[in-house]
Each structure stands twice: as structure tokens, then as C-alpha cells.
Amino acid sequence: MSVMGTIERLHARAQKARRDPATPVVSSVEEARALARSIAEGLSALSDDQRLLMLSNLHEVQATLEDRMASLETEMARERVRIQAVNRGLDAQASYRSGVLSLRDHRRRKD
């Protein structure tokens, strides 16, 4: 596939990912690296006008990826807060249980 076709396909995938956050722009790190290599090698063979058009498309892909990263960072921050709340709850439960066991042992010793 030509570099223009590769970039246009990547651009279309980025547009679809923008509409549907569950849709990945690329399926793996390996695919992203292969696309980056292919594009870098192919851009030099294009005319200035073609290169400008393709770079514009790549800019849109980059914007989509940046939006996706920001969204993931927000989601991860929310999940961290939830995990911390669960951990605090578990710590409180363990502390309560320890207190109950200690009190029970104390009462047994008294009797």
C-alpha cells in the first residue's frame, strides 16, 4: 500500500475512533511502530503538496490520539480514587476485626 493510502486509512480509523471511543486507532504497539516507519519512509517520496496534505491528515490523527490519552488519564484517575476508597474500607474492616478479636480475647482472659 502506498504511504498516501496508509495515511488515509489511518486518518479514517482516527475519525472512527473519535466517533466511537471504544474503537482503537491502532490495534497494537507493533502496528503503530510499523505504520510510523512506513509513513516516515514514504513521506520523502511525495511531492510538497502531497506531503502537506498527508501531514494535515497525520495532525488530525495526532489530535485524536491526544484526546484518547487525556480520556484514559481521566478514567485512570477516577479508578485510582475508587481503589483508594476500597483500600480504606478494607483497612477499616481489618482494624475493626482486630479490635473485636482483641476485645474478645480480653474478655476470655477476665473470665
C-alpha atoms as a PDB file:
ATOM      1  CA  MET A   1       0.000   0.000   0.000  1.00  0.00           C
ATOM      2  CA  SER A   2       1.263   3.492  -0.793  1.00  0.00           C
ATOM      3  CA  VAL A   3       2.121   5.891   2.001  1.00  0.00           C
ATOM      4  CA  MET A   4      -0.817   8.061   0.958  1.00  0.00           C
ATOM      5  CA  GLY A   5      -3.144   5.071   1.235  1.00  0.00           C
ATOM      6  CA  THR A   6      -1.665   4.167   4.611  1.00  0.00           C
ATOM      7  CA  ILE A   7      -2.131   7.693   5.942  1.00  0.00           C
ATOM      8  CA  GLU A   8      -5.650   7.954   4.538  1.00  0.00           C
ATOM      9  CA  ARG A   9      -6.564   4.611   6.135  1.00  0.00           C
ATOM     10  CA  LEU A  10      -5.058   5.719   9.452  1.00  0.00           C
ATOM     11  CA  HIS A  11      -6.916   9.031   9.187  1.00  0.00           C
ATOM     12  CA  ALA A  12     -10.209   7.200   8.578  1.00  0.00           C
ATOM     13  CA  ARG A  13      -9.555   4.976  11.602  1.00  0.00           C
ATOM     14  CA  ALA A  14      -8.831   8.051  13.728  1.00  0.00           C
ATOM     15  CA  GLN A  15     -12.098   9.665  12.632  1.00  0.00           C
ATOM     16  CA  LYS A  16     -13.983   6.474  13.515  1.00  0.00           C
ATOM     17  CA  ALA A  17     -12.216   6.334  16.889  1.00  0.00           C
ATOM     18  CA  ARG A  18     -13.259   9.918  17.558  1.00  0.00           C
ATOM     19  CA  ARG A  19     -16.910   8.986  16.998  1.00  0.00           C
ATOM     20  CA  ASP A  20     -16.660   5.738  18.972  1.00  0.00           C
ATOM     21  CA  PRO A  21     -14.249   5.818  21.936  1.00  0.00           C
ATOM     22  CA  ALA A  22     -14.220   2.005  22.075  1.00  0.00           C
ATOM     23  CA  THR A  23     -12.656   1.826  18.600  1.00  0.00           C
ATOM     24  CA  PRO A  24      -8.843   1.743  18.668  1.00  0.00           C
ATOM     25  CA  VAL A  25      -6.823   3.882  16.263  1.00  0.00           C
ATOM     26  CA  VAL A  26      -4.213   1.134  16.078  1.00  0.00           C
ATOM     27  CA  SER A  27      -4.506  -2.383  17.414  1.00  0.00           C
ATOM     28  CA  SER A  28      -1.049  -2.734  18.940  1.00  0.00           C
ATOM     29  CA  VAL A  29       2.231  -1.010  19.659  1.00  0.00           C
ATOM     30  CA  GLU A  30       3.815  -3.098  16.920  1.00  0.00           C
ATOM     31  CA  GLU A  31       1.272  -1.848  14.386  1.00  0.00           C
ATOM     32  CA  ALA A  32       1.861   1.753  15.476  1.00  0.00           C
ATOM     33  CA  ARG A  33       5.619   1.356  15.057  1.00  0.00           C
ATOM     34  CA  ALA A  34       5.245  -0.283  11.645  1.00  0.00           C
ATOM     35  CA  LEU A  35       2.918   2.499  10.495  1.00  0.00           C
ATOM     36  CA  ALA A  36       5.317   5.165  11.773  1.00  0.00           C
ATOM     37  CA  ARG A  37       8.246   3.576   9.917  1.00  0.00           C
ATOM     38  CA  SER A  38       6.251   3.182   6.729  1.00  0.00           C
ATOM     39  CA  ILE A  39       4.986   6.748   6.841  1.00  0.00           C
ATOM     40  CA  ALA A  40       8.395   8.233   7.640  1.00  0.00           C
ATOM     41  CA  GLU A  41       9.981   6.363   4.747  1.00  0.00           C
ATOM     42  CA  GLY A  42       7.165   7.165   2.330  1.00  0.00           C
ATOM     43  CA  LEU A  43       6.740  10.884   3.015  1.00  0.00           C
ATOM     44  CA  SER A  44      10.094  11.713   1.461  1.00  0.00           C
ATOM     45  CA  ALA A  45       8.927  10.311  -1.881  1.00  0.00           C
ATOM     46  CA  LEU A  46       5.862  12.576  -2.081  1.00  0.00           C
ATOM     47  CA  SER A  47       5.593  15.974  -3.716  1.00  0.00           C
ATOM     48  CA  ASP A  48       5.409  19.007  -1.446  1.00  0.00           C
ATOM     49  CA  ASP A  49       1.639  19.336  -1.969  1.00  0.00           C
ATOM     50  CA  GLN A  50       1.029  15.645  -1.267  1.00  0.00           C
ATOM     51  CA  ARG A  51       3.276  15.767   1.781  1.00  0.00           C
ATOM     52  CA  LEU A  52       1.398  18.796   3.141  1.00  0.00           C
ATOM     53  CA  LEU A  53      -1.944  17.044   2.690  1.00  0.00           C
ATOM     54  CA  MET A  54      -0.677  13.884   4.374  1.00  0.00           C
ATOM     55  CA  LEU A  55       0.850  15.843   7.256  1.00  0.00           C
ATOM     56  CA  SER A  56      -2.508  17.554   7.745  1.00  0.00           C
ATOM     57  CA  ASN A  57      -4.169  14.135   7.981  1.00  0.00           C
ATOM     58  CA  LEU A  58      -1.488  12.984  10.410  1.00  0.00           C
ATOM     59  CA  HIS A  59      -2.114  16.074  12.524  1.00  0.00           C
ATOM     60  CA  GLU A  60      -5.754  15.009  12.862  1.00  0.00           C
ATOM     61  CA  VAL A  61      -4.619  11.507  13.844  1.00  0.00           C
ATOM     62  CA  GLN A  62      -2.321  13.028  16.462  1.00  0.00           C
ATOM     63  CA  ALA A  63      -5.172  15.160  17.852  1.00  0.00           C
ATOM     64  CA  THR A  64      -7.357  12.067  18.128  1.00  0.00           C
ATOM     65  CA  LEU A  65      -4.612  10.169  19.941  1.00  0.00           C
ATOM     66  CA  GLU A  66      -4.051  13.083  22.324  1.00  0.00           C
ATOM     67  CA  ASP A  67      -7.793  13.215  23.093  1.00  0.00           C
ATOM     68  CA  ARG A  68      -7.797   9.469  23.692  1.00  0.00           C
ATOM     69  CA  MET A  69      -4.810   9.742  26.048  1.00  0.00           C
ATOM     70  CA  ALA A  70      -6.473  12.549  28.016  1.00  0.00           C
ATOM     71  CA  SER A  71      -9.632  10.481  28.310  1.00  0.00           C
ATOM     72  CA  LEU A  72      -7.672   7.442  29.508  1.00  0.00           C
ATOM     73  CA  GLU A  73      -5.778   9.547  32.054  1.00  0.00           C
ATOM     74  CA  THR A  74      -9.083  10.884  33.422  1.00  0.00           C
ATOM     75  CA  GLU A  75     -10.524   7.380  33.609  1.00  0.00           C
ATOM     76  CA  MET A  76      -7.401   6.077  35.349  1.00  0.00           C
ATOM     77  CA  ALA A  77      -7.558   8.913  37.905  1.00  0.00           C
ATOM     78  CA  ARG A  78     -11.195   8.020  38.687  1.00  0.00           C
ATOM     79  CA  GLU A  79     -10.266   4.356  39.070  1.00  0.00           C
ATOM     80  CA  ARG A  80      -7.361   5.251  41.382  1.00  0.00           C
ATOM     81  CA  VAL A  81      -9.792   7.156  43.615  1.00  0.00           C
ATOM     82  CA  ARG A  82     -12.126   4.138  43.682  1.00  0.00           C
ATOM     83  CA  ILE A  83      -9.264   1.764  44.507  1.00  0.00           C
ATOM     84  CA  GLN A  84      -8.085   4.055  47.313  1.00  0.00           C
ATOM     85  CA  ALA A  85     -11.632   4.130  48.739  1.00  0.00           C
ATOM     86  CA  VAL A  86     -11.827   0.331  48.621  1.00  0.00           C
ATOM     87  CA  ASN A  87      -8.432   0.063  50.321  1.00  0.00           C
ATOM     88  CA  ARG A  88      -9.536   2.472  53.068  1.00  0.00           C
ATOM     89  CA  GLY A  89     -12.665   0.380  53.559  1.00  0.00           C
ATOM     90  CA  LEU A  90     -10.632  -2.813  53.768  1.00  0.00           C
ATOM     91  CA  ASP A  91      -8.233  -1.193  56.242  1.00  0.00           C
ATOM     92  CA  ALA A  92     -11.160  -0.050  58.392  1.00  0.00           C
ATOM     93  CA  GLN A  93     -12.685  -3.525  58.268  1.00  0.00           C
ATOM     94  CA  ALA A  94      -9.374  -5.134  59.257  1.00  0.00           C
ATOM     95  CA  SER A  95      -8.942  -2.631  62.088  1.00  0.00           C
ATOM     96  CA  TYR A  96     -12.475  -3.288  63.339  1.00  0.00           C
ATOM     97  CA  ARG A  97     -11.949  -7.043  63.160  1.00  0.00           C
ATOM     98  CA  SER A  98      -8.670  -6.729  65.047  1.00  0.00           C
ATOM     99  CA  GLY A  99     -10.390  -4.654  67.726  1.00  0.00           C
ATOM    100  CA  VAL A 100     -13.214  -7.174  68.078  1.00  0.00           C
ATOM    101  CA  LEU A 101     -10.768 -10.076  68.373  1.00  0.00           C
ATOM    102  CA  SER A 102      -8.695  -8.167  70.912  1.00  0.00           C
ATOM    103  CA  LEU A 103     -11.786  -7.378  72.993  1.00  0.00           C
ATOM    104  CA  ARG A 104     -12.942 -10.990  72.817  1.00  0.00           C
ATOM    105  CA  ASP A 105      -9.515 -12.226  73.947  1.00  0.00           C
ATOM    106  CA  HIS A 106      -9.521  -9.701  76.789  1.00  0.00           C
ATOM    107  CA  ARG A 107     -12.957 -10.886  77.958  1.00  0.00           C
ATOM    108  CA  ARG A 108     -11.868 -14.525  77.817  1.00  0.00           C
ATOM    109  CA  ARG A 109      -8.866 -13.775  79.994  1.00  0.00           C
ATOM    110  CA  LYS A 110     -11.087 -11.986  82.519  1.00  0.00           C
ATOM    111  CA  ASP A 111     -13.436 -14.961  82.808  1.00  0.00           C
END
